[in-house]
C-alpha atoms as a PDB file:
ATOM      1  CA  MET A   1     -97.388  32.326  46.140  1.00  0.00           C
ATOM      2  CA  ALA A   2     -94.485  30.057  45.111  1.00  0.00           C
ATOM      3  CA  LEU A   3     -92.744  30.646  48.460  1.00  0.00           C
ATOM      4  CA  GLN A   4     -95.899  29.710  50.374  1.00  0.00           C
ATOM      5  CA  ARG A   5     -96.277  26.542  48.299  1.00  0.00           C
ATOM      6  CA  THR A   6     -92.623  25.608  48.865  1.00  0.00           C
ATOM      7  CA  CYS A   7     -92.985  26.150  52.630  1.00  0.00           C
ATOM      8  CA  SER A   8     -96.150  24.032  52.672  1.00  0.00           C
ATOM      9  CA  LEU A   9     -94.398  21.209  50.812  1.00  0.00           C
ATOM     10  CA  LEU A  10     -91.399  21.376  53.152  1.00  0.00           C
ATOM     11  CA  LEU A  11     -93.694  21.264  56.176  1.00  0.00           C
ATOM     12  CA  LEU A  12     -95.540  18.272  54.738  1.00  0.00           C
ATOM     13  CA  LEU A  13     -92.229  16.522  54.038  1.00  0.00           C
ATOM     14  CA  LEU A  14     -90.997  17.256  57.571  1.00  0.00           C
ATOM     15  CA  LEU A  15     -94.209  15.912  59.112  1.00  0.00           C
ATOM     16  CA  THR A  16     -94.040  12.795  56.926  1.00  0.00           C
ATOM     17  CA  LEU A  17     -90.445  12.112  57.946  1.00  0.00           C
ATOM     18  CA  LEU A  18     -91.292  12.709  61.588  1.00  0.00           C
ATOM     19  CA  GLY A  19     -94.233  10.322  61.315  1.00  0.00           C
ATOM     20  CA  LEU A  20     -92.041   7.651  59.771  1.00  0.00           C
ATOM     21  CA  GLY A  21     -89.516   8.150  62.542  1.00  0.00           C
ATOM     22  CA  LEU A  22     -92.170   7.413  65.149  1.00  0.00           C
ATOM     23  CA  VAL A  23     -92.877   3.944  63.751  1.00  0.00           C
ATOM     24  CA  GLN A  24     -89.275   2.940  63.121  1.00  0.00           C
ATOM     25  CA  PRO A  25     -87.069   1.302  65.757  1.00  0.00           C
ATOM     26  CA  SER A  26     -84.629   3.659  67.458  1.00  0.00           C
ATOM     27  CA  TYR A  27     -81.168   3.957  65.901  1.00  0.00           C
ATOM     28  CA  GLY A  28     -79.513   1.896  68.653  1.00  0.00           C
ATOM     29  CA  GLN A  29     -81.684  -1.141  68.018  1.00  0.00           C
ATOM     30  CA  ASN A  30     -82.061  -0.738  64.240  1.00  0.00           C
ATOM     31  CA  GLY A  31     -78.805  -2.566  63.432  1.00  0.00           C
ATOM     32  CA  MET A  32     -79.628  -5.375  65.836  1.00  0.00           C
ATOM     33  CA  TYR A  33     -83.168  -5.608  64.436  1.00  0.00           C
ATOM     34  CA  GLN A  34     -81.828  -5.810  60.861  1.00  0.00           C
ATOM     35  CA  ARG A  35     -79.371  -8.519  61.937  1.00  0.00           C
ATOM     36  CA  PHE A  36     -82.215 -10.461  63.600  1.00  0.00           C
ATOM     37  CA  LEU A  37     -84.230 -10.245  60.370  1.00  0.00           C
ATOM     38  CA  ARG A  38     -81.270 -11.439  58.265  1.00  0.00           C
ATOM     39  CA  GLN A  39     -80.372 -14.338  60.522  1.00  0.00           C
ATOM     40  CA  HIS A  40     -83.777 -15.583  61.651  1.00  0.00           C
ATOM     41  CA  VAL A  41     -86.752 -14.462  59.559  1.00  0.00           C
ATOM     42  CA  HIS A  42     -87.900 -16.203  56.370  1.00  0.00           C
ATOM     43  CA  PRO A  43     -91.695 -15.997  56.112  1.00  0.00           C
ATOM     44  CA  GLU A  44     -91.973 -17.153  52.480  1.00  0.00           C
ATOM     45  CA  GLU A  45     -90.805 -20.732  53.034  1.00  0.00           C
ATOM     46  CA  THR A  46     -91.553 -23.606  55.306  1.00  0.00           C
ATOM     47  CA  GLY A  47     -87.995 -24.922  55.057  1.00  0.00           C
ATOM     48  CA  GLY A  48     -87.540 -28.292  56.615  1.00  0.00           C
ATOM     49  CA  ASN A  49     -84.819 -30.026  54.637  1.00  0.00           C
ATOM     50  CA  ASP A  50     -81.024 -30.061  54.584  1.00  0.00           C
ATOM     51  CA  ARG A  51     -80.854 -28.395  51.164  1.00  0.00           C
ATOM     52  CA  TYR A  52     -82.892 -25.472  52.518  1.00  0.00           C
ATOM     53  CA  CYS A  53     -80.499 -25.007  55.458  1.00  0.00           C
ATOM     54  CA  ASN A  54     -77.376 -25.272  53.291  1.00  0.00           C
ATOM     55  CA  MET A  55     -78.723 -22.659  50.881  1.00  0.00           C
ATOM     56  CA  MET A  56     -80.139 -20.239  53.462  1.00  0.00           C
ATOM     57  CA  MET A  57     -77.135 -20.287  55.774  1.00  0.00           C
ATOM     58  CA  GLN A  58     -74.905 -19.420  52.819  1.00  0.00           C
ATOM     59  CA  ARG A  59     -77.334 -16.883  51.333  1.00  0.00           C
ATOM     60  CA  ARG A  60     -77.710 -15.102  54.690  1.00  0.00           C
ATOM     61  CA  LYS A  61     -73.897 -14.927  55.056  1.00  0.00           C
ATOM     62  CA  MET A  62     -73.480 -17.180  58.084  1.00  0.00           C
ATOM     63  CA  THR A  63     -70.826 -19.395  56.467  1.00  0.00           C
ATOM     64  CA  LEU A  64     -68.297 -16.838  55.199  1.00  0.00           C
ATOM     65  CA  TYR A  65     -65.474 -17.381  57.705  1.00  0.00           C
ATOM     66  CA  HIS A  66     -66.706 -20.286  59.804  1.00  0.00           C
ATOM     67  CA  CYS A  67     -69.723 -22.566  59.919  1.00  0.00           C
ATOM     68  CA  LYS A  68     -72.259 -21.174  62.376  1.00  0.00           C
ATOM     69  CA  ARG A  69     -73.032 -24.206  64.543  1.00  0.00           C
ATOM     70  CA  PHE A  70     -76.767 -23.643  64.955  1.00  0.00           C
ATOM     71  CA  ASN A  71     -79.377 -21.267  63.586  1.00  0.00           C
ATOM     72  CA  THR A  72     -83.157 -21.063  63.568  1.00  0.00           C
ATOM     73  CA  PHE A  73     -85.261 -19.607  60.757  1.00  0.00           C
ATOM     74  CA  ILE A  74     -88.745 -18.453  61.730  1.00  0.00           C
ATOM     75  CA  HIS A  75     -91.414 -18.967  59.073  1.00  0.00           C
ATOM     76  CA  GLU A  76     -93.882 -16.320  60.187  1.00  0.00           C
ATOM     77  CA  ASP A  77     -94.845 -12.844  59.062  1.00  0.00           C
ATOM     78  CA  ILE A  78     -92.671 -10.185  60.745  1.00  0.00           C
ATOM     79  CA  TRP A  79     -95.770  -8.677  62.388  1.00  0.00           C
ATOM     80  CA  ASN A  80     -96.534 -12.045  64.028  1.00  0.00           C
ATOM     81  CA  ILE A  81     -92.954 -12.215  65.267  1.00  0.00           C
ATOM     82  CA  ARG A  82     -93.048  -8.611  66.510  1.00  0.00           C
ATOM     83  CA  SER A  83     -96.277  -9.384  68.397  1.00  0.00           C
ATOM     84  CA  ILE A  84     -94.260 -11.780  70.590  1.00  0.00           C
ATOM     85  CA  CYS A  85     -92.557  -8.671  71.991  1.00  0.00           C
ATOM     86  CA  SER A  86     -95.888  -7.655  73.570  1.00  0.00           C
ATOM     87  CA  THR A  87     -96.146 -10.846  75.652  1.00  0.00           C
ATOM     88  CA  THR A  88     -95.061 -11.016  79.296  1.00  0.00           C
ATOM     89  CA  ASN A  89     -91.361 -10.405  79.934  1.00  0.00           C
ATOM     90  CA  ILE A  90     -89.302 -13.413  80.964  1.00  0.00           C
ATOM     91  CA  GLN A  91     -85.649 -13.760  81.890  1.00  0.00           C
ATOM     92  CA  CYS A  92     -83.147 -14.219  79.042  1.00  0.00           C
ATOM     93  CA  LYS A  93     -80.176 -16.579  79.207  1.00  0.00           C
ATOM     94  CA  ASN A  94     -77.953 -13.551  79.977  1.00  0.00           C
ATOM     95  CA  GLY A  95     -80.122 -12.621  82.988  1.00  0.00           C
ATOM     96  CA  LYS A  96     -81.804  -9.579  81.425  1.00  0.00           C
ATOM     97  CA  MET A  97     -85.582  -9.352  81.647  1.00  0.00           C
ATOM     98  CA  ASN A  98     -86.319  -8.316  78.048  1.00  0.00           C
ATOM     99  CA  CYS A  99     -87.158 -11.743  76.613  1.00  0.00           C
ATOM    100  CA  HIS A 100     -90.556 -12.937  75.443  1.00  0.00           C
ATOM    101  CA  GLU A 101     -91.847 -16.286  74.262  1.00  0.00           C
ATOM    102  CA  GLY A 102     -94.212 -17.441  71.566  1.00  0.00           C
ATOM    103  CA  VAL A 103     -95.015 -20.449  69.403  1.00  0.00           C
ATOM    104  CA  VAL A 104     -93.988 -20.239  65.724  1.00  0.00           C
ATOM    105  CA  LYS A 105     -93.106 -22.413  62.716  1.00  0.00           C
ATOM    106  CA  VAL A 106     -89.333 -22.849  62.459  1.00  0.00           C
ATOM    107  CA  THR A 107     -86.524 -24.679  60.725  1.00  0.00           C
ATOM    108  CA  ASP A 108     -83.544 -25.419  62.957  1.00  0.00           C
ATOM    109  CA  CYS A 109     -80.258 -25.779  61.061  1.00  0.00           C
ATOM    110  CA  ARG A 110     -77.442 -27.665  62.817  1.00  0.00           C
ATOM    111  CA  ASP A 111     -73.889 -27.893  61.429  1.00  0.00           C
ATOM    112  CA  THR A 112     -72.960 -31.507  60.589  1.00  0.00           C
ATOM    113  CA  GLY A 113     -69.370 -30.893  61.707  1.00  0.00           C
ATOM    114  CA  SER A 114     -68.035 -32.559  58.563  1.00  0.00           C
ATOM    115  CA  SER A 115     -67.486 -29.474  56.400  1.00  0.00           C
ATOM    116  CA  LYS A 116     -65.496 -26.261  56.310  1.00  0.00           C
ATOM    117  CA  ALA A 117     -66.483 -22.680  55.477  1.00  0.00           C
ATOM    118  CA  PRO A 118     -67.724 -21.437  53.129  1.00  0.00           C
ATOM    119  CA  ASN A 119     -69.150 -24.836  52.031  1.00  0.00           C
ATOM    120  CA  CYS A 120     -70.846 -25.663  55.321  1.00  0.00           C
ATOM    121  CA  ARG A 121     -73.341 -28.529  55.514  1.00  0.00           C
ATOM    122  CA  TYR A 122     -76.388 -28.563  57.779  1.00  0.00           C
ATOM    123  CA  ARG A 123     -79.064 -30.929  59.048  1.00  0.00           C
ATOM    124  CA  ALA A 124     -82.556 -29.481  59.135  1.00  0.00           C
ATOM    125  CA  MET A 125     -85.435 -30.035  61.529  1.00  0.00           C
ATOM    126  CA  ALA A 126     -88.762 -28.347  60.880  1.00  0.00           C
ATOM    127  CA  SER A 127     -91.323 -27.913  63.651  1.00  0.00           C
ATOM    128  CA  THR A 128     -93.776 -25.630  65.356  1.00  0.00           C
ATOM    129  CA  ARG A 129     -92.325 -24.833  68.737  1.00  0.00           C
ATOM    130  CA  ARG A 130     -91.844 -22.344  71.526  1.00  0.00           C
ATOM    131  CA  VAL A 131     -89.138 -19.736  70.928  1.00  0.00           C
ATOM    132  CA  VAL A 132     -87.666 -17.024  73.121  1.00  0.00           C
ATOM    133  CA  ILE A 133     -86.640 -13.676  71.647  1.00  0.00           C
ATOM    134  CA  ALA A 134     -85.193 -10.536  73.217  1.00  0.00           C
ATOM    135  CA  CYS A 135     -86.907  -7.275  72.307  1.00  0.00           C
ATOM    136  CA  GLU A 136     -85.825  -3.646  72.668  1.00  0.00           C
ATOM    137  CA  GLY A 137     -86.828  -0.171  71.580  1.00  0.00           C
ATOM    138  CA  ASP A 138     -89.991   1.869  71.355  1.00  0.00           C
ATOM    139  CA  PRO A 139     -91.876   0.311  69.712  1.00  0.00           C
ATOM    140  CA  GLN A 140     -90.393  -2.988  70.822  1.00  0.00           C
ATOM    141  CA  VAL A 141     -88.766  -5.045  68.063  1.00  0.00           C
ATOM    142  CA  PRO A 142     -86.932  -8.389  68.180  1.00  0.00           C
ATOM    143  CA  VAL A 143     -83.168  -7.996  68.418  1.00  0.00           C
ATOM    144  CA  HIS A 144     -81.897 -11.412  69.554  1.00  0.00           C
ATOM    145  CA  PHE A 145     -82.943 -15.050  69.258  1.00  0.00           C
ATOM    146  CA  ASP A 146     -82.494 -16.513  72.743  1.00  0.00           C
ATOM    147  CA  GLY A 147     -83.688 -20.045  72.171  1.00  0.00           C
END
């Protein structure tokens, strides 16, 4: 009886893990997806000012060794961003055909050029605009901000 129960629990656990594996990005894209999330996704805020950019660029570790010249934070739910991956493919800047475009709320952070890492200073510009992202995997997830 105990052996049958243990086997049933192991089977349930195996099926649960398998099910979770089907909805997760593949291992090859998972690191790139996580990097995309860290560098570009911030749904909780609307951003829009220099203080926001200075804080977020530092918090997201883009000022450790040098000041990243330009970065965009997307202020949308990750599911809204992922839905862009289901739009028509367009050509990326690198020539690949895995880019997609959509309109989202963003804050663009541009390095002022007058500071040094790790105390980088940025100018912010908030807007709702068209963005291009590269997507990969099955299911498709965003892995690169193309513009």
